[in-house]
Amino acid sequence: MEIPIRKTTPNFIILICLLGLASFAVALYTSVTTWIPPFDWHNMAIAVFSVIGLVGLVGLWRMRRWGLWLITGLTVLIVAVSLADGIFTWYSTILQAMLIVGGFAFYEQMS
């Protein structure tokens, strides 16, 4: 009988996930507090993307491959929407790129 090896989350992933969690939490808070009834598609999209991002970061923190793939797909979607709306910022893209590159660096350790 083999003893399972405990998988620990690398410090780099923890640091980037904490920054990402803070960023998505601020984006979610801002989109909810600036909601203009009855329908504000921009804030609604930001809120949905933020919740998906939070779920993906929790998965990545727990070293799950689905979390990395969810964050990767969400990053592509966020960049496409922000370029279409003209609200593209390098800060958010660099942070997400660091998260994706760091995640794929530890891909073999994920389950």
C-alpha atoms as a PDB file:
ATOM      1  CA  MET A   1       0.000   0.000   0.000  1.00  0.00           C
ATOM      2  CA  GLU A   2       1.397   3.329  -1.078  1.00  0.00           C
ATOM      3  CA  ILE A   3       1.238   6.351   1.143  1.00  0.00           C
ATOM      4  CA  PRO A   4      -0.262   9.280  -0.819  1.00  0.00           C
ATOM      5  CA  ILE A   5       2.001  12.277  -1.180  1.00  0.00           C
ATOM      6  CA  ARG A   6       0.426  15.446   0.165  1.00  0.00           C
ATOM      7  CA  LYS A   7       0.353  18.125  -2.475  1.00  0.00           C
ATOM      8  CA  THR A   8       1.171  21.557  -1.190  1.00  0.00           C
ATOM      9  CA  THR A   9       0.412  24.771  -2.976  1.00  0.00           C
ATOM     10  CA  PRO A  10       3.563  26.659  -4.047  1.00  0.00           C
ATOM     11  CA  ASN A  11       4.076  30.095  -2.513  1.00  0.00           C
ATOM     12  CA  PHE A  12       3.998  31.770  -5.933  1.00  0.00           C
ATOM     13  CA  ILE A  13       0.512  30.372  -6.638  1.00  0.00           C
ATOM     14  CA  ILE A  14      -0.686  31.484  -3.191  1.00  0.00           C
ATOM     15  CA  LEU A  15       0.635  35.028  -3.693  1.00  0.00           C
ATOM     16  CA  ILE A  16      -0.837  35.436  -7.161  1.00  0.00           C
ATOM     17  CA  CYS A  17      -4.148  33.884  -6.052  1.00  0.00           C
ATOM     18  CA  LEU A  18      -4.370  36.347  -3.164  1.00  0.00           C
ATOM     19  CA  LEU A  19      -3.812  39.263  -5.535  1.00  0.00           C
ATOM     20  CA  GLY A  20      -6.367  37.813  -7.935  1.00  0.00           C
ATOM     21  CA  LEU A  21      -8.908  37.224  -5.178  1.00  0.00           C
ATOM     22  CA  ALA A  22      -8.535  40.827  -4.050  1.00  0.00           C
ATOM     23  CA  SER A  23      -8.881  42.101  -7.628  1.00  0.00           C
ATOM     24  CA  PHE A  24     -11.969  40.024  -8.392  1.00  0.00           C
ATOM     25  CA  ALA A  25     -13.530  40.940  -5.033  1.00  0.00           C
ATOM     26  CA  VAL A  26     -13.043  44.666  -5.707  1.00  0.00           C
ATOM     27  CA  ALA A  27     -14.441  44.270  -9.238  1.00  0.00           C
ATOM     28  CA  LEU A  28     -17.483  42.399  -7.901  1.00  0.00           C
ATOM     29  CA  TYR A  29     -18.097  45.006  -5.183  1.00  0.00           C
ATOM     30  CA  THR A  30     -17.743  47.877  -7.639  1.00  0.00           C
ATOM     31  CA  SER A  31     -20.040  46.303 -10.223  1.00  0.00           C
ATOM     32  CA  VAL A  32     -22.762  45.624  -7.650  1.00  0.00           C
ATOM     33  CA  THR A  33     -22.610  49.048  -5.993  1.00  0.00           C
ATOM     34  CA  THR A  34     -22.660  50.971  -9.296  1.00  0.00           C
ATOM     35  CA  TRP A  35     -25.512  48.948 -10.803  1.00  0.00           C
ATOM     36  CA  ILE A  36     -27.965  51.120 -12.771  1.00  0.00           C
ATOM     37  CA  PRO A  37     -31.439  49.545 -12.860  1.00  0.00           C
ATOM     38  CA  PRO A  38     -33.160  47.957 -14.679  1.00  0.00           C
ATOM     39  CA  PHE A  39     -30.446  46.586 -16.971  1.00  0.00           C
ATOM     40  CA  ASP A  40     -26.784  47.427 -17.060  1.00  0.00           C
ATOM     41  CA  TRP A  41     -25.073  44.770 -19.171  1.00  0.00           C
ATOM     42  CA  HIS A  42     -21.553  46.019 -18.479  1.00  0.00           C
ATOM     43  CA  ASN A  43     -21.837  45.745 -14.687  1.00  0.00           C
ATOM     44  CA  MET A  44     -23.734  42.481 -15.024  1.00  0.00           C
ATOM     45  CA  ALA A  45     -20.925  41.004 -17.145  1.00  0.00           C
ATOM     46  CA  ILE A  46     -18.292  42.193 -14.672  1.00  0.00           C
ATOM     47  CA  ALA A  47     -20.212  40.630 -11.783  1.00  0.00           C
ATOM     48  CA  VAL A  48     -20.562  37.283 -13.584  1.00  0.00           C
ATOM     49  CA  PHE A  49     -16.899  37.285 -14.658  1.00  0.00           C
ATOM     50  CA  SER A  50     -15.841  38.123 -11.097  1.00  0.00           C
ATOM     51  CA  VAL A  51     -17.784  35.239  -9.589  1.00  0.00           C
ATOM     52  CA  ILE A  52     -16.377  32.833 -12.197  1.00  0.00           C
ATOM     53  CA  GLY A  53     -12.891  34.201 -11.494  1.00  0.00           C
ATOM     54  CA  LEU A  54     -13.290  33.706  -7.749  1.00  0.00           C
ATOM     55  CA  VAL A  55     -14.373  30.088  -8.289  1.00  0.00           C
ATOM     56  CA  GLY A  56     -11.444  29.498 -10.647  1.00  0.00           C
ATOM     57  CA  LEU A  57      -8.949  30.979  -8.192  1.00  0.00           C
ATOM     58  CA  VAL A  58     -10.230  28.778  -5.391  1.00  0.00           C
ATOM     59  CA  GLY A  59      -9.753  25.784  -7.686  1.00  0.00           C
ATOM     60  CA  LEU A  60      -6.256  26.918  -8.595  1.00  0.00           C
ATOM     61  CA  TRP A  61      -5.382  27.506  -4.946  1.00  0.00           C
ATOM     62  CA  ARG A  62      -6.450  23.929  -4.231  1.00  0.00           C
ATOM     63  CA  MET A  63      -4.158  22.849  -7.120  1.00  0.00           C
ATOM     64  CA  ARG A  64      -6.938  21.646  -9.418  1.00  0.00           C
ATOM     65  CA  ARG A  65      -6.448  21.654 -13.174  1.00  0.00           C
ATOM     66  CA  TRP A  66     -10.031  22.760 -13.815  1.00  0.00           C
ATOM     67  CA  GLY A  67      -9.271  25.967 -11.879  1.00  0.00           C
ATOM     68  CA  LEU A  68      -6.347  26.742 -14.161  1.00  0.00           C
ATOM     69  CA  TRP A  69      -8.378  26.059 -17.294  1.00  0.00           C
ATOM     70  CA  LEU A  70     -11.268  28.149 -15.971  1.00  0.00           C
ATOM     71  CA  ILE A  71      -8.953  31.088 -15.268  1.00  0.00           C
ATOM     72  CA  THR A  72      -7.303  30.715 -18.691  1.00  0.00           C
ATOM     73  CA  GLY A  73     -10.634  30.753 -20.515  1.00  0.00           C
ATOM     74  CA  LEU A  74     -11.899  33.626 -18.417  1.00  0.00           C
ATOM     75  CA  THR A  75      -8.765  35.646 -19.159  1.00  0.00           C
ATOM     76  CA  VAL A  76      -9.248  35.211 -22.899  1.00  0.00           C
ATOM     77  CA  LEU A  77     -12.897  36.243 -22.555  1.00  0.00           C
ATOM     78  CA  ILE A  78     -12.093  39.275 -20.378  1.00  0.00           C
ATOM     79  CA  VAL A  79      -9.393  40.503 -22.773  1.00  0.00           C
ATOM     80  CA  ALA A  80     -11.736  40.106 -25.761  1.00  0.00           C
ATOM     81  CA  VAL A  81     -14.587  41.984 -24.057  1.00  0.00           C
ATOM     82  CA  SER A  82     -12.328  44.738 -22.726  1.00  0.00           C
ATOM     83  CA  LEU A  83     -10.752  45.257 -26.153  1.00  0.00           C
ATOM     84  CA  ALA A  84     -14.203  45.422 -27.758  1.00  0.00           C
ATOM     85  CA  ASP A  85     -15.392  47.979 -25.183  1.00  0.00           C
ATOM     86  CA  GLY A  86     -12.182  50.008 -25.237  1.00  0.00           C
ATOM     87  CA  ILE A  87     -11.489  49.505 -21.516  1.00  0.00           C
ATOM     88  CA  PHE A  88      -8.393  47.325 -21.841  1.00  0.00           C
ATOM     89  CA  THR A  89      -5.788  47.766 -19.091  1.00  0.00           C
ATOM     90  CA  TRP A  90      -2.349  46.220 -18.965  1.00  0.00           C
ATOM     91  CA  TYR A  91      -2.397  45.785 -15.183  1.00  0.00           C
ATOM     92  CA  SER A  92      -5.174  43.219 -15.101  1.00  0.00           C
ATOM     93  CA  THR A  93      -3.794  41.396 -18.126  1.00  0.00           C
ATOM     94  CA  ILE A  94      -0.277  41.162 -16.684  1.00  0.00           C
ATOM     95  CA  LEU A  95      -1.616  39.858 -13.366  1.00  0.00           C
ATOM     96  CA  GLN A  96      -3.722  37.223 -15.109  1.00  0.00           C
ATOM     97  CA  ALA A  97      -0.840  36.271 -17.417  1.00  0.00           C
ATOM     98  CA  MET A  98       1.416  35.762 -14.384  1.00  0.00           C
ATOM     99  CA  LEU A  99      -1.280  33.593 -12.829  1.00  0.00           C
ATOM    100  CA  ILE A 100      -1.634  31.458 -15.946  1.00  0.00           C
ATOM    101  CA  VAL A 101       2.113  31.074 -16.516  1.00  0.00           C
ATOM    102  CA  GLY A 102       2.645  30.219 -12.854  1.00  0.00           C
ATOM    103  CA  GLY A 103      -0.212  27.748 -12.960  1.00  0.00           C
ATOM    104  CA  PHE A 104       1.123  25.951 -16.008  1.00  0.00           C
ATOM    105  CA  ALA A 105       4.583  25.847 -14.418  1.00  0.00           C
ATOM    106  CA  PHE A 106       3.077  23.652 -11.681  1.00  0.00           C
ATOM    107  CA  TYR A 107       0.630  21.809 -13.952  1.00  0.00           C
ATOM    108  CA  GLU A 108       2.129  18.386 -13.282  1.00  0.00           C
ATOM    109  CA  GLN A 109       1.604  18.797  -9.517  1.00  0.00           C
ATOM    110  CA  MET A 110      -2.097  19.499  -9.970  1.00  0.00           C
ATOM    111  CA  SER A 111      -4.786  16.869  -9.826  1.00  0.00           C
END
